[in-house]
Amino acid sequence: MTTPKDLRYTEEHEWVKVEGENVRVGITDFAQHELGDIVFVELPEVGDEITADEPFGSVESVKTVSELYAPISGKVVEINEELSDNPEFVNESPYEKAWMIVIEPSDSSEVDKLMTSEQYDEMIKED
């Protein structure tokens, strides 16, 4: 399983990539592996306000439905519409094709509170 070094991570297995003023969000390779084959992804609408540590959507696999938790607070400025027709992207390419939302942060310093790849690797080793 891969944990790209240039991303930040949450305890709920979301990843965050800072892109200028905004952040791109998805779920980790570890999370998709644990969930199994993803069959449906539910995402918020562009313009929705989301709050850190609160659910913003869900992924459904053949085994379970799992909530997606916002890594930071802000406004959704983009969603990955391809996931509605291709939920399998989450399994095939969790860090590239299967990004989920782009957030315009209300407080960009929240990103600094997220885990580094090394910290995330330590956490999943303990699971």
N, C-alpha and C. Protein backbone atom coordinates (compact mmCIF):
# COMPACT_ATOMS: atom_id res chain seq x y z
N MET A 1 0.84 -1.19 0.00
CA MET A 1 0.00 0.00 0.00
C MET A 1 0.88 1.25 0.00
N THR A 2 0.42 2.24 -0.70
CA THR A 2 1.23 3.45 -0.81
C THR A 2 0.68 4.57 0.05
N THR A 3 1.61 5.39 0.55
CA THR A 3 1.28 6.58 1.32
C THR A 3 2.16 7.71 0.78
N PRO A 4 1.68 8.43 -0.24
CA PRO A 4 2.50 9.50 -0.82
C PRO A 4 2.98 10.50 0.24
N LYS A 5 4.26 10.87 0.13
CA LYS A 5 4.91 11.73 1.12
C LYS A 5 4.41 13.17 1.06
N ASP A 6 3.89 13.62 -0.09
CA ASP A 6 3.51 15.03 -0.25
C ASP A 6 2.08 15.32 0.21
N LEU A 7 1.41 14.33 0.78
CA LEU A 7 0.03 14.53 1.24
C LEU A 7 -0.03 14.57 2.76
N ARG A 8 -1.17 15.03 3.28
CA ARG A 8 -1.48 14.97 4.72
C ARG A 8 -2.62 14.00 4.89
N TYR A 9 -2.78 13.46 6.11
CA TYR A 9 -3.74 12.38 6.34
C TYR A 9 -4.55 12.61 7.61
N THR A 10 -5.75 11.99 7.64
CA THR A 10 -6.60 12.07 8.82
C THR A 10 -6.69 10.70 9.47
N GLU A 11 -7.15 10.69 10.72
CA GLU A 11 -7.37 9.42 11.42
C GLU A 11 -8.50 8.62 10.78
N GLU A 12 -9.34 9.28 10.01
CA GLU A 12 -10.46 8.61 9.34
C GLU A 12 -10.08 8.13 7.94
N HIS A 13 -8.78 8.23 7.59
CA HIS A 13 -8.22 7.69 6.34
C HIS A 13 -8.53 8.52 5.09
N GLU A 14 -8.69 9.83 5.28
CA GLU A 14 -8.75 10.72 4.12
C GLU A 14 -7.36 11.29 3.88
N TRP A 15 -7.06 11.61 2.62
CA TRP A 15 -5.82 12.30 2.30
C TRP A 15 -6.14 13.71 1.81
N VAL A 16 -5.17 14.60 1.97
CA VAL A 16 -5.32 16.01 1.59
C VAL A 16 -4.09 16.44 0.81
N LYS A 17 -4.34 17.06 -0.33
CA LYS A 17 -3.25 17.62 -1.13
C LYS A 17 -3.47 19.12 -1.27
N VAL A 18 -2.51 19.90 -0.80
CA VAL A 18 -2.61 21.35 -0.91
C VAL A 18 -2.28 21.74 -2.35
N GLU A 19 -3.18 22.53 -2.97
CA GLU A 19 -3.01 23.00 -4.35
C GLU A 19 -3.27 24.49 -4.37
N GLY A 20 -2.23 25.27 -4.13
CA GLY A 20 -2.40 26.72 -4.05
C GLY A 20 -3.24 27.08 -2.84
N GLU A 21 -4.37 27.76 -3.08
CA GLU A 21 -5.27 28.17 -1.98
C GLU A 21 -6.20 27.05 -1.54
N ASN A 22 -6.40 26.05 -2.41
CA ASN A 22 -7.39 25.01 -2.15
C ASN A 22 -6.73 23.69 -1.76
N VAL A 23 -7.56 22.74 -1.31
CA VAL A 23 -7.07 21.40 -1.00
C VAL A 23 -7.95 20.36 -1.68
N ARG A 24 -7.30 19.36 -2.22
CA ARG A 24 -7.98 18.22 -2.86
C ARG A 24 -8.03 17.09 -1.84
N VAL A 25 -9.15 16.36 -1.80
CA VAL A 25 -9.39 15.34 -0.77
C VAL A 25 -9.82 14.03 -1.42
N GLY A 26 -9.34 12.92 -0.84
CA GLY A 26 -9.78 11.59 -1.26
C GLY A 26 -9.60 10.64 -0.10
N ILE A 27 -9.78 9.34 -0.36
CA ILE A 27 -9.50 8.36 0.69
C ILE A 27 -8.21 7.60 0.35
N THR A 28 -7.59 7.08 1.37
CA THR A 28 -6.27 6.47 1.21
C THR A 28 -6.35 5.08 0.59
N ASP A 29 -5.19 4.63 0.13
CA ASP A 29 -5.03 3.28 -0.40
C ASP A 29 -5.42 2.27 0.68
N PHE A 30 -5.00 2.52 1.91
CA PHE A 30 -5.34 1.64 3.03
C PHE A 30 -6.86 1.54 3.18
N ALA A 31 -7.55 2.69 3.13
CA ALA A 31 -9.01 2.70 3.31
C ALA A 31 -9.71 1.92 2.21
N GLN A 32 -9.34 2.15 0.95
CA GLN A 32 -10.02 1.45 -0.14
C GLN A 32 -9.75 -0.05 -0.05
N HIS A 33 -8.56 -0.42 0.40
CA HIS A 33 -8.22 -1.84 0.54
C HIS A 33 -9.08 -2.49 1.63
N GLU A 34 -9.27 -1.77 2.75
CA GLU A 34 -10.09 -2.29 3.85
C GLU A 34 -11.56 -2.39 3.45
N LEU A 35 -12.04 -1.43 2.65
CA LEU A 35 -13.46 -1.42 2.26
C LEU A 35 -13.81 -2.49 1.24
N GLY A 36 -12.88 -2.82 0.36
CA GLY A 36 -13.18 -3.76 -0.72
C GLY A 36 -13.69 -3.01 -1.94
N ASP A 37 -14.37 -3.74 -2.83
CA ASP A 37 -14.81 -3.16 -4.10
C ASP A 37 -15.86 -2.06 -3.88
N ILE A 38 -15.50 -0.85 -4.29
CA ILE A 38 -16.39 0.31 -4.15
C ILE A 38 -17.42 0.28 -5.27
N VAL A 39 -18.72 0.39 -4.90
CA VAL A 39 -19.79 0.34 -5.90
C VAL A 39 -20.56 1.65 -6.03
N PHE A 40 -20.37 2.58 -5.07
CA PHE A 40 -21.10 3.84 -5.11
C PHE A 40 -20.37 4.88 -4.27
N VAL A 41 -20.33 6.12 -4.77
CA VAL A 41 -19.74 7.23 -4.02
C VAL A 41 -20.75 8.36 -3.98
N GLU A 42 -21.05 8.86 -2.77
CA GLU A 42 -21.96 10.00 -2.59
C GLU A 42 -21.14 11.20 -2.14
N LEU A 43 -21.24 12.28 -2.90
CA LEU A 43 -20.46 13.48 -2.61
C LEU A 43 -21.39 14.68 -2.40
N PRO A 44 -20.88 15.74 -1.74
CA PRO A 44 -21.70 16.94 -1.55
C PRO A 44 -21.84 17.71 -2.86
N GLU A 45 -22.58 18.79 -2.82
CA GLU A 45 -22.75 19.67 -3.98
C GLU A 45 -21.68 20.76 -3.94
N VAL A 46 -21.30 21.24 -5.12
CA VAL A 46 -20.43 22.42 -5.19
C VAL A 46 -21.15 23.56 -4.50
N GLY A 47 -20.43 24.29 -3.64
CA GLY A 47 -21.01 25.39 -2.89
C GLY A 47 -21.37 25.02 -1.46
N ASP A 48 -21.45 23.71 -1.17
CA ASP A 48 -21.75 23.27 0.20
C ASP A 48 -20.62 23.67 1.15
N GLU A 49 -21.00 24.06 2.34
CA GLU A 49 -20.03 24.32 3.41
C GLU A 49 -19.86 23.03 4.19
N ILE A 50 -18.61 22.65 4.44
CA ILE A 50 -18.36 21.46 5.24
C ILE A 50 -17.53 21.83 6.46
N THR A 51 -17.64 21.00 7.49
CA THR A 51 -16.99 21.27 8.77
C THR A 51 -16.02 20.15 9.08
N ALA A 52 -14.82 20.52 9.53
CA ALA A 52 -13.80 19.53 9.88
C ALA A 52 -14.36 18.48 10.82
N ASP A 53 -14.01 17.23 10.55
CA ASP A 53 -14.39 16.07 11.35
C ASP A 53 -15.87 15.71 11.25
N GLU A 54 -16.62 16.36 10.37
CA GLU A 54 -18.03 16.04 10.16
C GLU A 54 -18.17 15.32 8.81
N PRO A 55 -19.16 14.42 8.68
CA PRO A 55 -19.35 13.71 7.41
C PRO A 55 -19.69 14.66 6.26
N PHE A 56 -19.12 14.37 5.08
CA PHE A 56 -19.47 15.16 3.89
C PHE A 56 -19.98 14.28 2.76
N GLY A 57 -19.94 12.98 2.94
CA GLY A 57 -20.40 12.06 1.90
C GLY A 57 -20.18 10.64 2.38
N SER A 58 -20.26 9.70 1.44
CA SER A 58 -20.04 8.30 1.81
C SER A 58 -19.56 7.50 0.62
N VAL A 59 -18.94 6.37 0.94
CA VAL A 59 -18.58 5.38 -0.08
C VAL A 59 -19.24 4.07 0.30
N GLU A 60 -19.78 3.40 -0.71
CA GLU A 60 -20.44 2.12 -0.47
C GLU A 60 -19.63 1.05 -1.18
N SER A 61 -19.29 0.00 -0.43
CA SER A 61 -18.59 -1.13 -1.02
C SER A 61 -19.51 -2.33 -0.97
N VAL A 62 -19.05 -3.45 -1.50
CA VAL A 62 -19.87 -4.65 -1.44
C VAL A 62 -20.05 -5.11 0.00
N LYS A 63 -19.15 -4.67 0.90
CA LYS A 63 -19.19 -5.09 2.30
C LYS A 63 -19.95 -4.13 3.21
N THR A 64 -19.85 -2.80 2.96
CA THR A 64 -20.34 -1.83 3.93
C THR A 64 -20.52 -0.45 3.31
N VAL A 65 -21.14 0.45 4.06
CA VAL A 65 -21.19 1.86 3.70
C VAL A 65 -20.34 2.59 4.73
N SER A 66 -19.46 3.47 4.27
CA SER A 66 -18.57 4.19 5.17
C SER A 66 -18.68 5.69 4.93
N GLU A 67 -18.80 6.44 6.01
CA GLU A 67 -18.88 7.90 5.89
C GLU A 67 -17.51 8.47 5.50
N LEU A 68 -17.55 9.58 4.80
CA LEU A 68 -16.36 10.36 4.48
C LEU A 68 -16.36 11.57 5.42
N TYR A 69 -15.23 11.82 6.07
CA TYR A 69 -15.16 12.92 7.03
C TYR A 69 -14.29 14.05 6.49
N ALA A 70 -14.78 15.27 6.65
CA ALA A 70 -14.04 16.44 6.18
C ALA A 70 -12.75 16.60 6.97
N PRO A 71 -11.62 16.69 6.28
CA PRO A 71 -10.35 16.88 6.99
C PRO A 71 -10.19 18.31 7.50
N ILE A 72 -10.84 19.25 6.82
CA ILE A 72 -10.79 20.67 7.22
C ILE A 72 -12.15 21.30 6.92
N SER A 73 -12.37 22.48 7.45
CA SER A 73 -13.62 23.22 7.18
C SER A 73 -13.44 24.11 5.96
N GLY A 74 -14.54 24.32 5.25
CA GLY A 74 -14.49 25.22 4.11
C GLY A 74 -15.64 24.99 3.16
N LYS A 75 -15.48 25.53 1.94
CA LYS A 75 -16.52 25.44 0.92
C LYS A 75 -16.07 24.49 -0.18
N VAL A 76 -16.97 23.61 -0.59
CA VAL A 76 -16.69 22.70 -1.70
C VAL A 76 -16.72 23.50 -3.00
N VAL A 77 -15.59 23.50 -3.72
CA VAL A 77 -15.52 24.27 -4.96
C VAL A 77 -15.48 23.37 -6.20
N GLU A 78 -15.27 22.07 -5.97
CA GLU A 78 -15.26 21.14 -7.09
C GLU A 78 -15.52 19.73 -6.55
N ILE A 79 -16.23 18.92 -7.34
CA ILE A 79 -16.39 17.51 -7.00
C ILE A 79 -15.95 16.67 -8.20
N ASN A 80 -15.53 15.45 -7.93
CA ASN A 80 -15.12 14.54 -9.00
C ASN A 80 -16.36 13.82 -9.53
N GLU A 81 -16.95 14.38 -10.56
CA GLU A 81 -18.20 13.84 -11.11
C GLU A 81 -18.01 12.49 -11.77
N GLU A 82 -16.78 12.16 -12.16
CA GLU A 82 -16.51 10.87 -12.79
C GLU A 82 -16.79 9.70 -11.85
N LEU A 83 -16.73 9.95 -10.54
CA LEU A 83 -16.93 8.86 -9.58
C LEU A 83 -18.35 8.31 -9.58
N SER A 84 -19.33 9.12 -10.01
CA SER A 84 -20.70 8.60 -10.03
C SER A 84 -20.84 7.48 -11.06
N ASP A 85 -20.14 7.58 -12.18
CA ASP A 85 -20.18 6.53 -13.20
C ASP A 85 -19.06 5.51 -13.04
N ASN A 86 -18.01 5.88 -12.32
CA ASN A 86 -16.83 5.01 -12.19
C ASN A 86 -16.36 4.90 -10.75
N PRO A 87 -17.19 4.37 -9.84
CA PRO A 87 -16.76 4.28 -8.44
C PRO A 87 -15.55 3.38 -8.26
N GLU A 88 -15.30 2.48 -9.23
CA GLU A 88 -14.14 1.59 -9.14
C GLU A 88 -12.81 2.35 -9.19
N PHE A 89 -12.82 3.61 -9.62
CA PHE A 89 -11.60 4.42 -9.61
C PHE A 89 -11.01 4.48 -8.20
N VAL A 90 -11.88 4.44 -7.17
CA VAL A 90 -11.41 4.51 -5.78
C VAL A 90 -10.48 3.33 -5.49
N ASN A 91 -10.81 2.16 -6.02
CA ASN A 91 -9.95 0.99 -5.83
C ASN A 91 -8.73 1.02 -6.74
N GLU A 92 -8.92 1.50 -7.96
CA GLU A 92 -7.85 1.46 -8.96
C GLU A 92 -6.80 2.55 -8.76
N SER A 93 -7.24 3.72 -8.33
CA SER A 93 -6.34 4.88 -8.32
C SER A 93 -6.75 5.88 -7.23
N PRO A 94 -6.59 5.50 -5.94
CA PRO A 94 -7.13 6.34 -4.86
C PRO A 94 -6.49 7.73 -4.78
N TYR A 95 -5.28 7.91 -5.29
CA TYR A 95 -4.60 9.21 -5.17
C TYR A 95 -4.65 10.05 -6.45
N GLU A 96 -5.01 9.45 -7.57
CA GLU A 96 -5.04 10.22 -8.81
C GLU A 96 -6.47 10.37 -9.33
N LYS A 97 -7.01 9.32 -9.94
CA LYS A 97 -8.33 9.42 -10.57
C LYS A 97 -9.47 9.55 -9.57
N ALA A 98 -9.27 9.07 -8.33
CA ALA A 98 -10.39 9.00 -7.38
C ALA A 98 -10.39 10.09 -6.33
N TRP A 99 -9.77 11.25 -6.64
CA TRP A 99 -9.95 12.36 -5.70
C TRP A 99 -11.46 12.62 -5.62
N MET A 100 -11.92 13.16 -4.51
CA MET A 100 -13.36 13.30 -4.32
C MET A 100 -13.86 14.73 -4.39
N ILE A 101 -13.25 15.61 -3.60
CA ILE A 101 -13.69 17.01 -3.59
C ILE A 101 -12.48 17.94 -3.51
N VAL A 102 -12.70 19.19 -3.90
CA VAL A 102 -11.74 20.25 -3.68
C VAL A 102 -12.41 21.26 -2.75
N ILE A 103 -11.69 21.63 -1.70
CA ILE A 103 -12.22 22.54 -0.68
C ILE A 103 -11.45 23.85 -0.71
N GLU A 104 -12.21 24.95 -0.60
CA GLU A 104 -11.61 26.26 -0.34
C GLU A 104 -11.65 26.42 1.18
N PRO A 105 -10.49 26.29 1.84
CA PRO A 105 -10.48 26.26 3.31
C PRO A 105 -10.92 27.58 3.93
N SER A 106 -11.65 27.46 5.05
CA SER A 106 -11.98 28.67 5.80
C SER A 106 -10.80 29.03 6.71
N ASP A 107 -9.94 28.06 7.02
CA ASP A 107 -8.73 28.30 7.82
C ASP A 107 -7.65 27.33 7.35
N SER A 108 -6.76 27.81 6.49
CA SER A 108 -5.76 26.92 5.88
C SER A 108 -4.79 26.32 6.90
N SER A 109 -4.71 26.89 8.11
CA SER A 109 -3.80 26.33 9.12
C SER A 109 -4.29 24.97 9.63
N GLU A 110 -5.58 24.64 9.36
CA GLU A 110 -6.09 23.32 9.77
C GLU A 110 -5.29 22.19 9.12
N VAL A 111 -4.77 22.43 7.92
CA VAL A 111 -3.99 21.40 7.22
C VAL A 111 -2.77 21.00 8.04
N ASP A 112 -2.16 21.96 8.72
CA ASP A 112 -0.95 21.70 9.51
C ASP A 112 -1.21 20.74 10.67
N LYS A 113 -2.47 20.60 11.06
CA LYS A 113 -2.81 19.71 12.18
C LYS A 113 -2.97 18.26 11.73
N LEU A 114 -3.00 18.03 10.42
CA LEU A 114 -3.18 16.67 9.89
C LEU A 114 -1.86 15.91 9.94
N MET A 115 -1.96 14.59 9.85
CA MET A 115 -0.78 13.73 9.96
C MET A 115 0.09 13.78 8.70
N THR A 116 1.39 13.61 8.91
CA THR A 116 2.32 13.42 7.79
C THR A 116 2.19 11.97 7.34
N SER A 117 2.81 11.63 6.22
CA SER A 117 2.76 10.25 5.74
C SER A 117 3.39 9.30 6.75
N GLU A 118 4.47 9.73 7.40
CA GLU A 118 5.14 8.89 8.40
C GLU A 118 4.22 8.63 9.60
N GLN A 119 3.53 9.67 10.06
CA GLN A 119 2.60 9.51 11.18
C GLN A 119 1.43 8.60 10.79
N TYR A 120 0.94 8.75 9.57
CA TYR A 120 -0.17 7.92 9.11
C TYR A 120 0.27 6.46 9.00
N ASP A 121 1.47 6.23 8.45
CA ASP A 121 1.98 4.86 8.35
C ASP A 121 2.07 4.20 9.72
N GLU A 122 2.52 4.97 10.71
CA GLU A 122 2.60 4.43 12.08
C GLU A 122 1.21 4.05 12.59
N MET A 123 0.23 4.91 12.32
CA MET A 123 -1.12 4.66 12.80
C MET A 123 -1.70 3.39 12.17
N ILE A 124 -1.54 3.21 10.86
CA ILE A 124 -2.15 2.05 10.21
C ILE A 124 -1.40 0.75 10.55
N LYS A 125 -0.14 0.88 10.92
CA LYS A 125 0.61 -0.30 11.37
C LYS A 125 0.00 -0.88 12.63
N GLU A 126 -0.55 0.01 13.47
CA GLU A 126 -1.13 -0.41 14.75
C GLU A 126 -2.52 -1.02 14.58
N ASP A 127 -3.19 -0.72 13.44
CA ASP A 127 -4.55 -1.27 13.19
C ASP A 127 -4.50 -2.76 12.91
